[in-house]
Structure formats: structure tokens, C-alpha cells
Amino acid sequence: MNDTIAFNRLADLLGAMGEPTRYQGGALRTRGLCHGGDSPGTVAIRRGNNGGAVVFCHKCQGNADFLAAIGWTEADLYDEPLPERQRDRPADDTWIPCQDRGHKRVAQYLYRDENGALVHGVTRCDHKDFAQWRPDDTTRSGRRWSLNDKQGNRLVRLVPYRLPELLKAKEADRVIWIAEGEKDVHTLVDHGLAATCNAAGSGKWTTEHAQFLEGADVTIVADRDDKGREHAEQVVTTLRGLARSVYVVQARTGKDATDHFEAGHKDSDFDEVWAPVPYPGDPAVSS
């Protein structure tokens, strides 16, 4: 496949985001991210007659909101970038700040608010560097590679990863799993669990993230190292008096949730190491 084709770039992006897709009626179908993903298959993506990609949401009757939700503009739908955009971003949209060191983007994670609107994004490279960006319509590329202004003031909200899905899971009274990073979140989701994390990894969870978990039952997957323990303790501190229950577990094998499942274990096989806020009626577990 030619990754300079807009259709292929979009399909790859949806795959990196963990979004379900399927081919139906001559089109690639995916969820309506433009309205919280509540309508599976409502967005149709086709190759245009003259190249490029054609995107249409049958619920929104357009593509503007869907493109905004994934951090794209109309210019990204062309197989070749518009001339005025070429200086800012290459045609395949894989540029990241560490590219000058030979790094390549391997994943992109989008953080959305309660309504599914894009708040900011995180890209991951093959050297495990992470770069955060915020949407910015004043730039030709449509993004700025910083979440702060020049004085260090934060310009976007702090929201947990996969917030719309988290809220739906909470409403359904499901257990919310908290991992240390987006890769492990997707591993947990792939195994049927409702999962979230904060951007930028260990030590960055705050009370702003915790506010969305009021009354929820929470399981924290602590990485098996000092930073993992400290991160779990920090998350627990923000959830005391807020969540209905909080448990801390670790991988039966390896360091994290991904290692755990790759070793063939199930979600019920995690080692429970601490019950700082036991579910009413459950005995406490010593740390």
C-alpha cells in the first residue's frame, strides 16, 4: 500500500487510535467520533474518483466535526498536501519533533472531552518518546506541539484518556481500570475492560482527572517498579473520599498490563497488592 494515499493514512490513523473499522457497501466504516461514538458504522470513508479520501457522517450529514475529532482538516483528505501546507507537515502526517533524530511515529492518542471534542493529542515514537500537541486553527498544520504558552501556562484542560468511553462505563456501573500509559489502556480495552490513564505517564495524575471517577469502582494497575508504586499511591490519594472503591493490582508476569496479558494471563489473574478503599463489605488487603 502507498502510505501517501490519504485513504490509507486515515485507515492507519484509526487503527493506531484503536477505533473499530469494517468494510461495508464499498466503504470503510467507523464510529461517529464527532458525536461521542454513539453510532457504530455511521461514518463512511471512500477513495475519491480523483484521488484523496471522501468522508461522510450520516448522522452529522457532513465531515467537519469528524475531521476535527481526529485532528485533521480538509487538506488532509488530499493524496498530496496543498502547497501552502507542505512546509509545515509532510504528506503522510507522521512528523514528530524527534524526527530529526531518526525517530518514527508509531501511535497517536487523542484526548477528548465529555462531548467527544478533541482537547489534545499525544504521539509516540519507536524510541518511546512522547510528544503532546494541541489543535490550533491558526497554524497551517492545525496543531501546536505544546500544551502551554511561552510563560508555561497550560492552555488545554486536563482530561483522562478515553473520557467519553469512561463516562459510559461508569454509567453502566462497570469497574474503571487505570493504567500508567495509553498502550496499556488499549491492552485492557482489547480484553473487554473499561480503562483510562493520564497523559505524560507516571506522576502526572491529578485531582482534575480524578473528578470524573466520583462514585466509581476503580482498579489501578501499578507498574512493577518504584515509579509505578509511587504513581499508584498518587492516584489513590486523589480517589480517597471520591471513588466507591479502589484496588491496586500488579501484573502476574512482567512489569505492566501488556506483559501480563502477553504471558497468557486473564484480568482475574492480576495480583492484588492493596485495597486502600475496599468495596463495602470486602475485607481490606494489607499493603
Protein backbone atom coordinates (compact mmCIF):
# COMPACT_ATOMS: atom_id res chain seq x y z
CA MET A 1 0.00 0.00 0.00
CA ASN A 2 1.10 3.52 -0.74
CA ASP A 3 1.09 5.49 2.51
CA THR A 4 0.98 8.78 0.60
CA ILE A 5 -2.68 7.98 -0.23
CA ALA A 6 -4.98 9.89 2.09
CA PHE A 7 -7.40 6.95 2.39
CA ASN A 8 -4.60 4.70 3.67
CA ARG A 9 -3.31 7.35 6.07
CA LEU A 10 -6.77 7.73 7.54
CA ALA A 11 -7.24 3.97 7.89
CA ASP A 12 -3.84 3.69 9.61
CA LEU A 13 -4.69 6.56 11.96
CA LEU A 14 -7.96 4.95 13.03
CA GLY A 15 -6.11 1.70 13.65
CA ALA A 16 -3.49 3.47 15.78
CA MET A 17 -6.30 5.09 17.78
CA GLY A 18 -7.84 1.68 18.44
CA GLU A 19 -11.03 2.64 16.62
CA PRO A 20 -13.06 -0.29 15.20
CA THR A 21 -13.46 -0.28 11.42
CA ARG A 22 -15.09 -2.59 8.89
CA TYR A 23 -15.71 -2.63 5.13
CA GLN A 24 -19.35 -2.43 4.15
CA GLY A 25 -21.07 -1.23 0.99
CA GLY A 26 -17.82 -0.31 -0.70
CA ALA A 27 -16.69 1.95 2.15
CA LEU A 28 -14.59 1.74 5.29
CA ARG A 29 -17.00 2.27 8.19
CA THR A 30 -16.22 3.57 11.66
CA ARG A 31 -17.91 5.13 14.67
CA GLY A 32 -19.20 8.67 14.75
CA LEU A 33 -16.41 10.19 16.84
CA CYS A 34 -18.00 13.54 16.01
CA HIS A 35 -20.87 12.72 18.35
CA GLY A 36 -19.26 10.60 21.04
CA GLY A 37 -19.04 7.40 19.02
CA ASP A 38 -22.66 6.53 19.78
CA SER A 39 -23.43 5.27 16.25
CA PRO A 40 -21.25 2.37 15.02
CA GLY A 41 -20.62 2.44 11.29
CA THR A 42 -22.21 5.84 10.74
CA VAL A 43 -19.05 7.33 9.17
CA ALA A 44 -18.26 6.16 5.64
CA ILE A 45 -14.77 6.61 4.17
CA ARG A 46 -14.20 6.08 0.45
CA ARG A 47 -11.49 6.73 -2.11
CA GLY A 48 -12.43 9.72 -4.24
CA ASN A 49 -12.84 9.43 -8.01
CA ASN A 50 -9.90 11.80 -8.49
CA GLY A 51 -7.82 10.51 -5.59
CA GLY A 52 -7.90 11.54 -1.95
CA ALA A 53 -10.41 10.38 0.62
CA VAL A 54 -14.10 11.20 0.97
CA VAL A 55 -15.52 11.17 4.50
CA PHE A 56 -19.22 11.43 5.31
CA CYS A 57 -21.01 11.03 8.65
CA HIS A 58 -24.63 10.00 8.05
CA LYS A 59 -25.67 11.39 11.42
CA CYS A 60 -23.91 14.77 11.12
CA GLN A 61 -24.55 14.91 7.35
CA GLY A 62 -21.01 16.11 6.73
CA ASN A 63 -17.37 15.60 7.69
CA ALA A 64 -16.24 18.76 9.52
CA ASP A 65 -16.90 17.52 13.06
CA PHE A 66 -15.38 14.10 12.38
CA LEU A 67 -12.20 15.65 10.97
CA ALA A 68 -11.94 17.94 14.00
CA ALA A 69 -12.31 14.94 16.31
CA ILE A 70 -9.31 13.19 14.75
CA GLY A 71 -7.21 16.35 14.39
CA TRP A 72 -7.48 16.58 10.58
CA THR A 73 -8.57 19.33 8.22
CA GLU A 74 -9.95 19.18 4.69
CA ALA A 75 -6.40 19.50 3.34
CA ASP A 76 -5.50 16.12 4.90
CA LEU A 77 -8.04 14.41 2.64
CA TYR A 78 -5.86 15.05 -0.43
CA ASP A 79 -3.30 12.47 -1.53
CA GLU A 80 -0.77 15.28 -1.82
CA PRO A 81 -0.65 18.22 0.61
CA LEU A 82 -1.79 21.63 -0.50
CA PRO A 83 1.28 23.75 -1.43
CA GLU A 84 0.90 26.16 1.46
CA ARG A 85 0.81 23.27 3.95
CA GLN A 86 3.81 21.38 2.65
CA ARG A 87 6.31 23.46 4.62
CA ASP A 88 4.57 22.63 7.90
CA ARG A 89 3.77 18.95 7.68
CA PRO A 90 4.70 16.13 5.29
CA ALA A 91 2.02 14.41 3.26
CA ASP A 92 1.89 11.29 5.44
CA ASP A 93 1.26 13.29 8.63
CA THR A 94 3.82 11.28 10.60
CA TRP A 95 6.08 14.21 11.54
CA ILE A 96 7.00 14.44 15.23
CA PRO A 97 9.50 16.73 17.00
CA CYS A 98 12.08 13.93 17.44
CA GLN A 99 12.05 13.01 13.75
CA ASP A 100 15.34 14.84 13.23
CA ARG A 101 16.93 12.13 15.41
CA GLY A 102 15.67 9.41 13.09
CA HIS A 103 12.61 8.52 15.16
CA LYS A 104 9.33 7.42 13.58
CA ARG A 105 5.79 7.80 14.87
CA VAL A 106 4.19 4.50 15.85
CA ALA A 107 0.99 5.64 17.54
CA GLN A 108 -1.20 8.67 18.12
CA TYR A 109 -3.59 9.03 21.05
CA LEU A 110 -6.38 11.61 21.07
CA TYR A 111 -7.77 13.03 24.30
CA ARG A 112 -11.40 14.14 24.05
CA ASP A 113 -13.79 15.91 26.40
CA GLU A 114 -17.20 14.74 27.62
CA ASN A 115 -18.76 15.55 24.25
CA GLY A 116 -16.09 13.86 22.17
CA ALA A 117 -14.40 17.11 21.10
CA LEU A 118 -10.63 16.95 20.67
CA VAL A 119 -8.71 18.51 23.59
CA HIS A 120 -5.15 17.48 22.73
CA GLY A 121 -3.13 14.65 21.25
CA VAL A 122 -0.12 12.54 22.15
CA THR A 123 2.21 10.90 19.65
CA ARG A 124 4.53 8.02 20.47
CA CYS A 125 7.68 7.22 18.51
CA ASP A 126 9.64 4.00 18.09
CA HIS A 127 12.11 5.18 20.76
CA LYS A 128 9.35 5.60 23.36
CA ASP A 129 9.46 9.39 23.19
CA PHE A 130 6.08 11.08 23.64
CA ALA A 131 5.13 14.46 22.18
CA GLN A 132 1.96 16.32 23.11
CA TRP A 133 0.13 18.76 20.86
CA ARG A 134 -2.99 20.84 20.88
CA PRO A 135 -5.26 21.72 17.96
CA ASP A 136 -4.71 25.24 16.66
CA ASP A 137 -6.65 26.54 13.66
CA THR A 138 -4.27 29.49 13.30
CA THR A 139 -1.46 27.24 12.04
CA ARG A 140 -1.28 25.68 8.60
CA SER A 141 -0.72 22.27 10.19
CA GLY A 142 -3.69 22.64 12.52
CA ARG A 143 -1.67 21.87 15.65
CA ARG A 144 0.90 23.25 18.10
CA TRP A 145 3.47 20.98 19.70
CA SER A 146 2.99 22.33 23.19
CA LEU A 147 0.16 22.39 25.71
CA ASN A 148 1.47 25.58 27.35
CA ASP A 149 2.05 29.17 26.33
CA LYS A 150 5.50 30.79 26.39
CA GLN A 151 5.07 31.62 30.08
CA GLY A 152 4.38 27.97 30.93
CA ASN A 153 0.66 28.41 31.49
CA ARG A 154 -1.42 25.41 30.44
CA LEU A 155 -3.76 26.14 27.55
CA VAL A 156 -5.87 22.96 27.48
CA ARG A 157 -7.90 21.03 30.05
CA LEU A 158 -6.61 18.01 31.89
CA VAL A 159 -8.87 15.11 30.96
CA PRO A 160 -8.36 11.36 31.37
CA TYR A 161 -7.81 9.29 28.25
CA ARG A 162 -10.93 7.92 26.54
CA LEU A 163 -13.16 10.13 28.70
CA PRO A 164 -16.39 9.58 26.70
CA GLU A 165 -15.94 5.80 26.98
CA LEU A 166 -15.04 6.15 30.67
CA LEU A 167 -18.26 8.04 31.40
CA LYS A 168 -20.37 5.45 29.60
CA ALA A 169 -18.68 2.66 31.55
CA LYS A 170 -19.26 4.49 34.82
CA GLU A 171 -22.93 4.99 33.97
CA ALA A 172 -23.16 1.25 33.30
CA ASP A 173 -21.61 0.61 36.75
CA ARG A 174 -18.53 -1.06 35.28
CA VAL A 175 -15.16 -1.15 37.01
CA ILE A 176 -12.79 1.54 35.69
CA TRP A 177 -9.18 0.38 35.25
CA ILE A 178 -6.38 2.93 35.42
CA ALA A 179 -3.08 2.16 33.73
CA GLU A 180 0.13 4.17 33.55
CA GLY A 181 0.05 4.78 29.79
CA GLU A 182 -2.07 4.67 26.67
CA LYS A 183 -0.59 1.43 25.31
CA ASP A 184 -1.66 -0.46 28.42
CA VAL A 185 -5.08 1.21 28.27
CA HIS A 186 -5.60 -0.23 24.80
CA THR A 187 -4.42 -3.63 26.00
CA LEU A 188 -7.02 -3.56 28.78
CA VAL A 189 -9.73 -2.36 26.38
CA ASP A 190 -8.82 -5.16 23.94
CA HIS A 191 -9.57 -7.60 26.75
CA GLY A 192 -13.03 -6.19 27.36
CA LEU A 193 -12.25 -3.79 30.22
CA ALA A 194 -13.06 -0.09 30.62
CA ALA A 195 -9.72 1.69 31.01
CA THR A 196 -8.11 5.10 31.17
CA CYS A 197 -4.88 6.91 32.08
CA ASN A 198 -3.44 10.41 32.13
CA ALA A 199 -1.14 11.89 29.51
CA ALA A 200 2.64 12.05 30.13
CA GLY A 201 2.83 8.92 32.27
CA SER A 202 3.87 8.40 35.87
CA GLY A 203 3.37 11.22 38.34
CA LYS A 204 1.04 13.30 36.17
CA TRP A 205 -2.34 12.16 37.51
CA THR A 206 -4.20 14.98 39.28
CA THR A 207 -7.45 15.73 41.07
CA GLU A 208 -8.70 17.10 37.74
CA HIS A 209 -8.50 13.60 36.30
CA ALA A 210 -9.98 12.03 39.43
CA GLN A 211 -13.12 14.20 39.44
CA PHE A 212 -14.66 12.07 36.67
CA LEU A 213 -14.47 8.94 38.86
CA GLU A 214 -16.75 10.07 41.67
CA GLY A 215 -18.74 7.07 42.92
CA ALA A 216 -16.92 4.64 40.62
CA ASP A 217 -15.27 1.32 41.39
CA VAL A 218 -11.62 1.63 40.35
CA THR A 219 -8.79 -0.83 39.83
CA ILE A 220 -5.30 0.66 39.40
CA VAL A 221 -2.70 -1.42 37.54
CA ALA A 222 0.61 -0.37 39.09
CA ASP A 223 3.75 -0.95 37.03
CA ARG A 224 6.14 -3.23 38.88
CA ASP A 225 8.80 -0.63 39.70
CA ASP A 226 9.29 2.30 42.08
CA LYS A 227 7.68 4.82 39.72
CA GLY A 228 4.71 2.52 39.28
CA ARG A 229 4.21 2.24 43.02
CA GLU A 230 4.53 5.99 43.50
CA HIS A 231 2.11 6.66 40.66
CA ALA A 232 -0.45 4.26 42.12
CA GLU A 233 -0.15 5.94 45.53
CA GLN A 234 -0.69 9.33 43.91
CA VAL A 235 -3.83 8.11 42.11
CA VAL A 236 -5.15 6.57 45.32
CA THR A 237 -4.68 9.86 47.17
CA THR A 238 -6.89 11.68 44.66
CA LEU A 239 -9.60 9.00 44.81
CA ARG A 240 -9.99 8.68 48.58
CA GLY A 241 -13.36 10.03 49.59
CA LEU A 242 -14.38 10.21 45.93
CA ALA A 243 -14.50 6.72 44.41
CA ARG A 244 -16.74 4.00 45.85
CA SER A 245 -13.87 1.50 45.90
CA VAL A 246 -10.20 1.46 44.93
CA TYR A 247 -7.98 -1.59 44.48
CA VAL A 248 -4.35 -1.74 43.33
CA VAL A 249 -3.07 -4.72 41.34
CA GLN A 250 0.13 -5.71 39.55
CA ALA A 251 0.93 -7.95 36.61
CA ARG A 252 1.30 -11.63 37.46
CA THR A 253 4.17 -11.76 34.94
CA GLY A 254 6.30 -8.86 33.75
CA LYS A 255 6.03 -5.16 34.51
CA ASP A 256 2.65 -3.95 33.26
CA ALA A 257 -0.76 -4.87 31.90
CA THR A 258 0.57 -5.60 28.43
CA ASP A 259 3.19 -8.00 29.79
CA HIS A 260 0.51 -9.65 31.92
CA PHE A 261 -1.79 -10.46 29.02
CA GLU A 262 1.03 -11.34 26.64
CA ALA A 263 2.06 -14.01 29.17
CA GLY A 264 -1.38 -15.58 28.74
CA HIS A 265 -2.97 -14.37 31.98
CA LYS A 266 -6.56 -13.15 32.35
CA ASP A 267 -7.86 -10.00 34.02
CA SER A 268 -8.78 -12.09 37.07
CA ASP A 269 -5.14 -13.19 37.41
CA PHE A 270 -3.69 -9.81 38.38
CA ASP A 271 -2.01 -9.87 41.81
CA GLU A 272 -3.99 -7.76 44.26
CA VAL A 273 -1.48 -5.84 46.37
CA TRP A 274 -3.53 -3.18 48.12
CA ALA A 275 -7.15 -2.32 48.85
CA PRO A 276 -6.96 1.29 50.09
CA VAL A 277 -10.72 1.74 49.66
CA PRO A 278 -12.33 -1.72 49.78
CA TYR A 279 -15.75 -2.23 48.28
CA PRO A 280 -18.32 -2.08 51.09
CA GLY A 281 -18.28 -5.48 52.79
CA ASP A 282 -14.94 -6.61 51.36
CA PRO A 283 -12.03 -7.16 53.78
CA ALA A 284 -9.09 -4.77 53.46
CA VAL A 285 -5.87 -6.06 51.96
CA SER A 286 -2.62 -5.10 53.64
CA SER A 287 -0.04 -3.23 51.54
